[in-house]
Amino acid sequence: MSEKATTKMQHISATDLRSIPHRISYLKRFLNFTEADGAAIQASGAVLGPLVPTVLDAVYTNLLSYDITAKAFAPPQPDFDGPAPASVQDLTLDHPQILHRKDFLKRYLLQLVGNKEWDDESKIWDYMDKVGIMHTGEPGFKHRAKRPELRVEYVHMGALLAFVEDVVVGAVMGMEGLDLQTKTQTIRAWNKLLWIQNDLFAKHYVVDRDSKFAPRGSTALAKAADAKYPDSVTTGEDTFKLLGPFLGGVFTVLLWLIYNKA
């Protein structure tokens, strides 16, 4: 007979997950995101700060390598009144519109490493949630309400986060003077944080059948409301909100096993 689990099963309400504090509480517990992880992310600013220009160039070089990702930067951008490119082929790393987007990503990364509060009510989670909203064609931030929309499909946002994580892992592992324990702790913390950000993107694209919630960024609602994105394909599945943190947790365990084998 198999042994019973010693940990008491916790109840998680699908409807409650629509609330940012409840959702973050669940994700943090599932991924075991602790204050020590927050401290590791903040401490990594000293390591990653000098590399930010290189990271930005790497990210946008990759984004401009594919027309399907580059086309998001061709129309007029929110918070930018400068010239738009005549075509997607005119976009380069030093185009004013790309420099504007690079500046936003820089401020985003600085927000993460500069954050000192990681409780469920921390403003950083609301900020990360609004970053998710603003890529769906909705304003996200109040000052964007009457600005041009920015719509980027979820597949590209997920790929971008994976690319950013790969850059962060490479930067941390390549730093001289850091012991293996510090590198492992830093990478594990960033892995958890970026998977939480990934969920706060998916939250605004994916239809959640459990809570019967269709976010404004979902193609199902977009088609029903005004057919604004007729060429999009619905990608939502009710298991996604569980699969995301599960994969993040699996990667964290693998890092722990690798460290303890070293």
C-alpha atoms as a PDB file:
ATOM      1  CA  MET A   1       0.000   0.000   0.000  1.00  0.00           C
ATOM      2  CA  SER A   2       1.381   3.382  -0.944  1.00  0.00           C
ATOM      3  CA  GLU A   3       2.140   5.891   1.783  1.00  0.00           C
ATOM      4  CA  LYS A   4      -0.213   8.839   2.136  1.00  0.00           C
ATOM      5  CA  ALA A   5       1.188  12.266   1.353  1.00  0.00           C
ATOM      6  CA  THR A   6       2.256  14.035   4.556  1.00  0.00           C
ATOM      7  CA  THR A   7       1.494  17.484   3.158  1.00  0.00           C
ATOM      8  CA  LYS A   8      -2.079  18.645   3.565  1.00  0.00           C
ATOM      9  CA  MET A   9      -3.717  19.353   0.220  1.00  0.00           C
ATOM     10  CA  GLN A  10      -4.467  23.030  -0.243  1.00  0.00           C
ATOM     11  CA  HIS A  11      -7.615  24.315  -1.913  1.00  0.00           C
ATOM     12  CA  ILE A  12      -7.081  26.777  -4.780  1.00  0.00           C
ATOM     13  CA  SER A  13     -10.133  28.521  -6.215  1.00  0.00           C
ATOM     14  CA  ALA A  14     -10.014  29.009  -9.988  1.00  0.00           C
ATOM     15  CA  THR A  15     -12.054  32.182  -9.613  1.00  0.00           C
ATOM     16  CA  ASP A  16      -9.668  33.566  -6.989  1.00  0.00           C
ATOM     17  CA  LEU A  17      -6.794  33.210  -9.471  1.00  0.00           C
ATOM     18  CA  ARG A  18      -8.248  36.158 -11.375  1.00  0.00           C
ATOM     19  CA  SER A  19      -7.034  38.315  -8.468  1.00  0.00           C
ATOM     20  CA  ILE A  20      -3.363  39.270  -8.765  1.00  0.00           C
ATOM     21  CA  PRO A  21      -2.508  38.755  -5.040  1.00  0.00           C
ATOM     22  CA  HIS A  22      -4.235  35.357  -4.996  1.00  0.00           C
ATOM     23  CA  ARG A  23      -2.621  34.330  -8.258  1.00  0.00           C
ATOM     24  CA  ILE A  24       0.835  35.423  -7.109  1.00  0.00           C
ATOM     25  CA  SER A  25       0.386  33.658  -3.772  1.00  0.00           C
ATOM     26  CA  TYR A  26      -0.405  30.421  -5.607  1.00  0.00           C
ATOM     27  CA  LEU A  27       2.465  30.772  -8.097  1.00  0.00           C
ATOM     28  CA  LYS A  28       4.989  31.638  -5.397  1.00  0.00           C
ATOM     29  CA  ARG A  29       3.997  28.648  -3.301  1.00  0.00           C
ATOM     30  CA  PHE A  30       3.986  26.290  -6.303  1.00  0.00           C
ATOM     31  CA  LEU A  31       7.418  27.473  -7.461  1.00  0.00           C
ATOM     32  CA  ASN A  32       8.718  27.996  -3.916  1.00  0.00           C
ATOM     33  CA  PHE A  33       9.579  31.611  -4.723  1.00  0.00           C
ATOM     34  CA  THR A  34      10.929  33.002  -1.434  1.00  0.00           C
ATOM     35  CA  GLU A  35      12.365  36.231  -0.052  1.00  0.00           C
ATOM     36  CA  ALA A  36      15.783  34.688  -0.673  1.00  0.00           C
ATOM     37  CA  ASP A  37      14.920  34.500  -4.391  1.00  0.00           C
ATOM     38  CA  GLY A  38      13.915  38.151  -4.356  1.00  0.00           C
ATOM     39  CA  ALA A  39      17.184  39.051  -2.657  1.00  0.00           C
ATOM     40  CA  ALA A  40      19.132  37.047  -5.260  1.00  0.00           C
ATOM     41  CA  ILE A  41      17.418  38.936  -8.095  1.00  0.00           C
ATOM     42  CA  GLN A  42      18.175  42.260  -6.459  1.00  0.00           C
ATOM     43  CA  ALA A  43      21.807  41.251  -5.855  1.00  0.00           C
ATOM     44  CA  SER A  44      22.142  40.177  -9.496  1.00  0.00           C
ATOM     45  CA  GLY A  45      21.801  43.824 -10.523  1.00  0.00           C
ATOM     46  CA  ALA A  46      25.510  44.267  -9.857  1.00  0.00           C
ATOM     47  CA  VAL A  47      26.238  41.403 -12.267  1.00  0.00           C
ATOM     48  CA  LEU A  48      23.647  42.098 -14.955  1.00  0.00           C
ATOM     49  CA  GLY A  49      23.615  45.906 -14.810  1.00  0.00           C
ATOM     50  CA  PRO A  50      26.787  46.431 -16.854  1.00  0.00           C
ATOM     51  CA  LEU A  51      25.557  43.842 -19.381  1.00  0.00           C
ATOM     52  CA  VAL A  52      22.187  45.513 -20.044  1.00  0.00           C
ATOM     53  CA  PRO A  53      23.282  47.239 -23.300  1.00  0.00           C
ATOM     54  CA  THR A  54      24.602  43.916 -24.615  1.00  0.00           C
ATOM     55  CA  VAL A  55      21.409  42.130 -23.529  1.00  0.00           C
ATOM     56  CA  LEU A  56      19.236  44.745 -25.259  1.00  0.00           C
ATOM     57  CA  ASP A  57      21.189  44.452 -28.507  1.00  0.00           C
ATOM     58  CA  ALA A  58      20.978  40.642 -28.390  1.00  0.00           C
ATOM     59  CA  VAL A  59      17.214  40.691 -27.751  1.00  0.00           C
ATOM     60  CA  TYR A  60      16.376  43.174 -30.485  1.00  0.00           C
ATOM     61  CA  THR A  61      18.784  41.679 -32.994  1.00  0.00           C
ATOM     62  CA  ASN A  62      16.832  38.455 -32.553  1.00  0.00           C
ATOM     63  CA  LEU A  63      13.441  40.180 -32.738  1.00  0.00           C
ATOM     64  CA  LEU A  64      14.423  41.986 -35.944  1.00  0.00           C
ATOM     65  CA  SER A  65      15.645  38.752 -37.501  1.00  0.00           C
ATOM     66  CA  TYR A  66      12.078  37.603 -38.210  1.00  0.00           C
ATOM     67  CA  ASP A  67       9.409  39.583 -40.024  1.00  0.00           C
ATOM     68  CA  ILE A  68       6.663  38.131 -37.837  1.00  0.00           C
ATOM     69  CA  THR A  69       8.241  39.620 -34.700  1.00  0.00           C
ATOM     70  CA  ALA A  70       9.649  42.754 -36.310  1.00  0.00           C
ATOM     71  CA  LYS A  71       6.256  43.816 -37.671  1.00  0.00           C
ATOM     72  CA  ALA A  72       5.092  44.704 -34.140  1.00  0.00           C
ATOM     73  CA  PHE A  73       7.580  47.594 -34.171  1.00  0.00           C
ATOM     74  CA  ALA A  74       6.602  49.026 -37.549  1.00  0.00           C
ATOM     75  CA  PRO A  75       3.345  50.836 -36.624  1.00  0.00           C
ATOM     76  CA  PRO A  76       3.363  53.970 -34.414  1.00  0.00           C
ATOM     77  CA  GLN A  77       4.266  52.944 -30.878  1.00  0.00           C
ATOM     78  CA  PRO A  78       2.669  53.874 -27.531  1.00  0.00           C
ATOM     79  CA  ASP A  79       4.591  56.637 -25.695  1.00  0.00           C
ATOM     80  CA  PHE A  80       6.541  57.509 -28.867  1.00  0.00           C
ATOM     81  CA  ASP A  81       5.897  60.468 -31.142  1.00  0.00           C
ATOM     82  CA  GLY A  82       8.909  60.064 -33.412  1.00  0.00           C
ATOM     83  CA  PRO A  83       8.963  58.866 -37.011  1.00  0.00           C
ATOM     84  CA  ALA A  84       7.658  55.406 -37.878  1.00  0.00           C
ATOM     85  CA  PRO A  85       9.539  53.305 -40.446  1.00  0.00           C
ATOM     86  CA  ALA A  86       8.225  53.193 -43.996  1.00  0.00           C
ATOM     87  CA  SER A  87       8.358  49.382 -43.867  1.00  0.00           C
ATOM     88  CA  VAL A  88       9.488  46.623 -41.541  1.00  0.00           C
ATOM     89  CA  GLN A  89      12.704  46.276 -43.590  1.00  0.00           C
ATOM     90  CA  ASP A  90      13.711  49.788 -42.488  1.00  0.00           C
ATOM     91  CA  LEU A  91      13.951  48.764 -38.841  1.00  0.00           C
ATOM     92  CA  THR A  92      17.469  48.621 -37.424  1.00  0.00           C
ATOM     93  CA  LEU A  93      18.933  48.587 -33.911  1.00  0.00           C
ATOM     94  CA  ASP A  94      19.486  52.342 -34.078  1.00  0.00           C
ATOM     95  CA  HIS A  95      16.101  53.272 -35.543  1.00  0.00           C
ATOM     96  CA  PRO A  96      14.380  55.770 -33.165  1.00  0.00           C
ATOM     97  CA  GLN A  97      11.395  53.459 -32.729  1.00  0.00           C
ATOM     98  CA  ILE A  98      13.623  50.528 -31.759  1.00  0.00           C
ATOM     99  CA  LEU A  99      15.654  52.722 -29.413  1.00  0.00           C
ATOM    100  CA  HIS A 100      12.369  53.616 -27.744  1.00  0.00           C
ATOM    101  CA  ARG A 101      11.441  49.951 -27.290  1.00  0.00           C
ATOM    102  CA  LYS A 102      14.935  49.126 -26.024  1.00  0.00           C
ATOM    103  CA  ASP A 103      14.562  51.865 -23.429  1.00  0.00           C
ATOM    104  CA  PHE A 104      11.308  50.280 -22.203  1.00  0.00           C
ATOM    105  CA  LEU A 105      12.958  46.846 -21.852  1.00  0.00           C
ATOM    106  CA  LYS A 106      15.869  48.478 -20.009  1.00  0.00           C
ATOM    107  CA  ARG A 107      13.477  50.125 -17.549  1.00  0.00           C
ATOM    108  CA  TYR A 108      11.628  46.815 -17.152  1.00  0.00           C
ATOM    109  CA  LEU A 109      14.814  44.938 -16.225  1.00  0.00           C
ATOM    110  CA  LEU A 110      15.850  47.713 -13.837  1.00  0.00           C
ATOM    111  CA  GLN A 111      12.431  47.543 -12.193  1.00  0.00           C
ATOM    112  CA  LEU A 112      12.944  43.840 -11.531  1.00  0.00           C
ATOM    113  CA  VAL A 113      16.468  44.046 -10.110  1.00  0.00           C
ATOM    114  CA  GLY A 114      15.617  47.199  -8.158  1.00  0.00           C
ATOM    115  CA  ASN A 115      12.565  45.744  -6.440  1.00  0.00           C
ATOM    116  CA  LYS A 116      12.852  45.202  -2.699  1.00  0.00           C
ATOM    117  CA  GLU A 117       9.380  43.933  -1.793  1.00  0.00           C
ATOM    118  CA  TRP A 118       8.235  40.491  -2.937  1.00  0.00           C
ATOM    119  CA  ASP A 119       5.139  39.868  -0.826  1.00  0.00           C
ATOM    120  CA  ASP A 120       1.863  38.981  -2.542  1.00  0.00           C
ATOM    121  CA  GLU A 121       0.692  42.619  -2.444  1.00  0.00           C
ATOM    122  CA  SER A 122       3.911  44.068  -3.850  1.00  0.00           C
ATOM    123  CA  LYS A 123       3.500  46.646  -6.603  1.00  0.00           C
ATOM    124  CA  ILE A 124       5.999  44.732  -8.756  1.00  0.00           C
ATOM    125  CA  TRP A 125       3.376  42.068  -9.558  1.00  0.00           C
ATOM    126  CA  ASP A 126       0.843  44.680 -10.652  1.00  0.00           C
ATOM    127  CA  TYR A 127       3.538  46.257 -12.830  1.00  0.00           C
ATOM    128  CA  MET A 128       4.390  42.889 -14.422  1.00  0.00           C
ATOM    129  CA  ASP A 129       0.689  42.217 -14.972  1.00  0.00           C
ATOM    130  CA  LYS A 130       0.260  45.550 -16.776  1.00  0.00           C
ATOM    131  CA  VAL A 131       3.284  44.737 -18.942  1.00  0.00           C
ATOM    132  CA  GLY A 132       1.344  41.648 -19.976  1.00  0.00           C
ATOM    133  CA  ILE A 133      -1.824  43.627 -20.708  1.00  0.00           C
ATOM    134  CA  MET A 134      -0.076  46.268 -22.811  1.00  0.00           C
ATOM    135  CA  HIS A 135       1.078  43.680 -25.361  1.00  0.00           C
ATOM    136  CA  THR A 136      -2.491  42.502 -26.096  1.00  0.00           C
ATOM    137  CA  GLY A 137      -3.650  45.709 -27.775  1.00  0.00           C
ATOM    138  CA  GLU A 138      -5.091  47.067 -24.521  1.00  0.00           C
ATOM    139  CA  PRO A 139      -3.486  50.117 -22.843  1.00  0.00           C
ATOM    140  CA  GLY A 140      -2.323  48.387 -19.646  1.00  0.00           C
ATOM    141  CA  PHE A 141      -1.093  51.635 -18.155  1.00  0.00           C
ATOM    142  CA  LYS A 142      -3.456  54.627 -17.800  1.00  0.00           C
ATOM    143  CA  HIS A 143      -1.200  57.007 -19.719  1.00  0.00           C
ATOM    144  CA  ARG A 144      -1.487  54.710 -22.772  1.00  0.00           C
ATOM    145  CA  ALA A 145      -5.296  54.892 -22.938  1.00  0.00           C
ATOM    146  CA  LYS A 146      -5.384  57.180 -25.993  1.00  0.00           C
ATOM    147  CA  ARG A 147      -2.135  56.055 -27.559  1.00  0.00           C
ATOM    148  CA  PRO A 148      -1.576  53.654 -30.501  1.00  0.00           C
ATOM    149  CA  GLU A 149      -2.108  50.044 -29.483  1.00  0.00           C
ATOM    150  CA  LEU A 150       0.606  47.397 -29.284  1.00  0.00           C
ATOM    151  CA  ARG A 151      -0.487  43.865 -30.186  1.00  0.00           C
ATOM    152  CA  VAL A 152       1.987  40.994 -30.006  1.00  0.00           C
ATOM    153  CA  GLU A 153       0.704  37.420 -30.151  1.00  0.00           C
ATOM    154  CA  TYR A 154       1.438  35.190 -27.186  1.00  0.00           C
ATOM    155  CA  VAL A 155       3.712  32.767 -29.048  1.00  0.00           C
ATOM    156  CA  HIS A 156       6.214  35.594 -29.559  1.00  0.00           C
ATOM    157  CA  MET A 157       5.991  36.800 -25.951  1.00  0.00           C
ATOM    158  CA  GLY A 158       6.731  33.288 -24.685  1.00  0.00           C
ATOM    159  CA  ALA A 159       9.648  32.930 -27.061  1.00  0.00           C
ATOM    160  CA  LEU A 160      11.007  36.326 -26.020  1.00  0.00           C
ATOM    161  CA  LEU A 161      10.947  35.435 -22.320  1.00  0.00           C
ATOM    162  CA  ALA A 162      12.747  32.155 -23.061  1.00  0.00           C
ATOM    163  CA  PHE A 163      15.390  34.075 -25.016  1.00  0.00           C
ATOM    164  CA  VAL A 164      15.821  36.600 -22.183  1.00  0.00           C
ATOM    165  CA  GLU A 165      16.215  33.777 -19.674  1.00  0.00           C
ATOM    166  CA  ASP A 166      18.865  32.140 -21.855  1.00  0.00           C
ATOM    167  CA  VAL A 167      20.779  35.444 -22.000  1.00  0.00           C
ATOM    168  CA  VAL A 168      20.539  35.842 -18.214  1.00  0.00           C
ATOM    169  CA  VAL A 169      21.722  32.269 -17.604  1.00  0.00           C
ATOM    170  CA  GLY A 170      24.654  32.751 -19.962  1.00  0.00           C
ATOM    171  CA  ALA A 171      25.605  36.064 -18.339  1.00  0.00           C
ATOM    172  CA  VAL A 172      25.474  34.697 -14.795  1.00  0.00           C
ATOM    173  CA  MET A 173      27.322  31.465 -15.602  1.00  0.00           C
ATOM    174  CA  GLY A 174      29.996  33.400 -17.470  1.00  0.00           C
ATOM    175  CA  MET A 175      30.741  35.816 -14.622  1.00  0.00           C
ATOM    176  CA  GLU A 176      34.129  35.342 -12.997  1.00  0.00           C
ATOM    177  CA  GLY A 177      34.383  35.718  -9.237  1.00  0.00           C
ATOM    178  CA  LEU A 178      30.964  34.202  -8.497  1.00  0.00           C
ATOM    179  CA  ASP A 179      30.926  30.840  -6.737  1.00  0.00           C
ATOM    180  CA  LEU A 180      28.716  28.044  -8.055  1.00  0.00           C
ATOM    181  CA  GLN A 181      26.243  28.338  -5.178  1.00  0.00           C
ATOM    182  CA  THR A 182      25.619  32.034  -5.912  1.00  0.00           C
ATOM    183  CA  LYS A 183      25.282  31.362  -9.648  1.00  0.00           C
ATOM    184  CA  THR A 184      22.817  28.544  -9.026  1.00  0.00           C
ATOM    185  CA  GLN A 185      20.747  30.587  -6.583  1.00  0.00           C
ATOM    186  CA  THR A 186      20.646  33.530  -8.994  1.00  0.00           C
ATOM    187  CA  ILE A 187      19.629  31.431 -12.002  1.00  0.00           C
ATOM    188  CA  ARG A 188      16.948  29.599 -10.030  1.00  0.00           C
ATOM    189  CA  ALA A 189      15.502  32.904  -8.809  1.00  0.00           C
ATOM    190  CA  TRP A 190      15.378  34.393 -12.310  1.00  0.00           C
ATOM    191  CA  ASN A 191      13.854  31.197 -13.679  1.00  0.00           C
ATOM    192  CA  LYS A 192      10.998  31.415 -11.173  1.00  0.00           C
ATOM    193  CA  LEU A 193      10.464  35.134 -11.755  1.00  0.00           C
ATOM    194  CA  LEU A 194      10.354  34.859 -15.545  1.00  0.00           C
ATOM    195  CA  TRP A 195       7.924  31.938 -15.371  1.00  0.00           C
ATOM    196  CA  ILE A 196       5.682  34.115 -13.208  1.00  0.00           C
ATOM    197  CA  GLN A 197       5.979  36.852 -15.828  1.00  0.00           C
ATOM    198  CA  ASN A 198       5.143  34.269 -18.480  1.00  0.00           C
ATOM    199  CA  ASP A 199       1.942  33.456 -16.603  1.00  0.00           C
ATOM    200  CA  LEU A 200       1.106  37.168 -16.336  1.00  0.00           C
ATOM    201  CA  PHE A 201       1.350  37.301 -20.126  1.00  0.00           C
ATOM    202  CA  ALA A 202      -0.711  34.153 -20.682  1.00  0.00           C
ATOM    203  CA  LYS A 203      -3.350  35.407 -18.243  1.00  0.00           C
ATOM    204  CA  HIS A 204      -4.353  38.071 -20.772  1.00  0.00           C
ATOM    205  CA  TYR A 205      -4.382  35.826 -23.838  1.00  0.00           C
ATOM    206  CA  VAL A 206      -5.621  32.446 -22.631  1.00  0.00           C
ATOM    207  CA  VAL A 207      -9.276  31.604 -22.065  1.00  0.00           C
ATOM    208  CA  ASP A 208      -9.597  30.058 -18.587  1.00  0.00           C
ATOM    209  CA  ARG A 209     -12.383  27.484 -18.694  1.00  0.00           C
ATOM    210  CA  ASP A 210     -12.243  26.773 -14.947  1.00  0.00           C
ATOM    211  CA  SER A 211     -13.167  30.330 -13.993  1.00  0.00           C
ATOM    212  CA  LYS A 212     -15.084  30.935 -17.249  1.00  0.00           C
ATOM    213  CA  PHE A 213     -12.940  34.016 -17.819  1.00  0.00           C
ATOM    214  CA  ALA A 214     -12.088  35.312 -21.302  1.00  0.00           C
ATOM    215  CA  PRO A 215      -9.433  38.029 -21.084  1.00  0.00           C
ATOM    216  CA  ARG A 216      -9.617  40.997 -23.421  1.00  0.00           C
ATOM    217  CA  GLY A 217      -6.448  39.830 -25.125  1.00  0.00           C
ATOM    218  CA  SER A 218      -7.926  36.445 -26.011  1.00  0.00           C
ATOM    219  CA  THR A 219      -8.855  35.943 -29.641  1.00  0.00           C
ATOM    220  CA  ALA A 220     -12.187  34.454 -28.597  1.00  0.00           C
ATOM    221  CA  LEU A 221     -13.258  37.703 -26.979  1.00  0.00           C
ATOM    222  CA  ALA A 222     -11.655  39.857 -29.673  1.00  0.00           C
ATOM    223  CA  LYS A 223     -13.667  38.091 -32.358  1.00  0.00           C
ATOM    224  CA  ALA A 224     -16.867  38.227 -30.353  1.00  0.00           C
ATOM    225  CA  ALA A 225     -16.425  41.936 -29.560  1.00  0.00           C
ATOM    226  CA  ASP A 226     -15.328  43.500 -32.810  1.00  0.00           C
ATOM    227  CA  ALA A 227     -13.419  40.942 -34.939  1.00  0.00           C
ATOM    228  CA  LYS A 228     -10.372  43.106 -34.409  1.00  0.00           C
ATOM    229  CA  TYR A 229      -7.929  40.254 -34.898  1.00  0.00           C
ATOM    230  CA  PRO A 230      -9.659  37.985 -37.445  1.00  0.00           C
ATOM    231  CA  ASP A 231      -6.484  36.123 -38.394  1.00  0.00           C
ATOM    232  CA  SER A 232      -5.596  35.046 -34.857  1.00  0.00           C
ATOM    233  CA  VAL A 233      -6.036  31.522 -33.557  1.00  0.00           C
ATOM    234  CA  THR A 234      -7.335  30.740 -30.086  1.00  0.00           C
ATOM    235  CA  THR A 235      -4.570  29.090 -28.048  1.00  0.00           C
ATOM    236  CA  GLY A 236      -6.182  28.927 -24.615  1.00  0.00           C
ATOM    237  CA  GLU A 237      -6.506  25.695 -22.692  1.00  0.00           C
ATOM    238  CA  ASP A 238      -7.636  25.347 -19.113  1.00  0.00           C
ATOM    239  CA  THR A 239      -4.516  23.368 -18.228  1.00  0.00           C
ATOM    240  CA  PHE A 240      -2.090  26.109 -19.237  1.00  0.00           C
ATOM    241  CA  LYS A 241      -2.209  27.963 -15.923  1.00  0.00           C
ATOM    242  CA  LEU A 242      -1.049  24.717 -14.273  1.00  0.00           C
ATOM    243  CA  LEU A 243       1.461  23.709 -16.942  1.00  0.00           C
ATOM    244  CA  GLY A 244       3.399  26.989 -16.788  1.00  0.00           C
ATOM    245  CA  PRO A 245       4.327  26.900 -13.090  1.00  0.00           C
ATOM    246  CA  PHE A 246       4.800  23.109 -13.316  1.00  0.00           C
ATOM    247  CA  LEU A 247       7.488  23.487 -15.993  1.00  0.00           C
ATOM    248  CA  GLY A 248       9.080  26.323 -14.045  1.00  0.00           C
ATOM    249  CA  GLY A 249       9.191  24.098 -10.978  1.00  0.00           C
ATOM    250  CA  VAL A 250      10.685  21.196 -12.939  1.00  0.00           C
ATOM    251  CA  PHE A 251      13.491  23.422 -14.258  1.00  0.00           C
ATOM    252  CA  THR A 252      14.199  24.703 -10.729  1.00  0.00           C
ATOM    253  CA  VAL A 253      14.457  21.115  -9.402  1.00  0.00           C
ATOM    254  CA  LEU A 254      16.834  20.170 -12.232  1.00  0.00           C
ATOM    255  CA  LEU A 255      19.095  23.109 -11.345  1.00  0.00           C
ATOM    256  CA  TRP A 256      19.057  22.017  -7.711  1.00  0.00           C
ATOM    257  CA  LEU A 257      20.007  18.460  -8.666  1.00  0.00           C
ATOM    258  CA  ILE A 258      22.836  19.667 -10.912  1.00  0.00           C
ATOM    259  CA  TYR A 259      24.199  21.895  -8.156  1.00  0.00           C
ATOM    260  CA  ASN A 260      24.122  19.124  -5.556  1.00  0.00           C
ATOM    261  CA  LYS A 261      25.855  16.723  -7.954  1.00  0.00           C
ATOM    262  CA  ALA A 262      28.685  19.235  -8.515  1.00  0.00           C
END
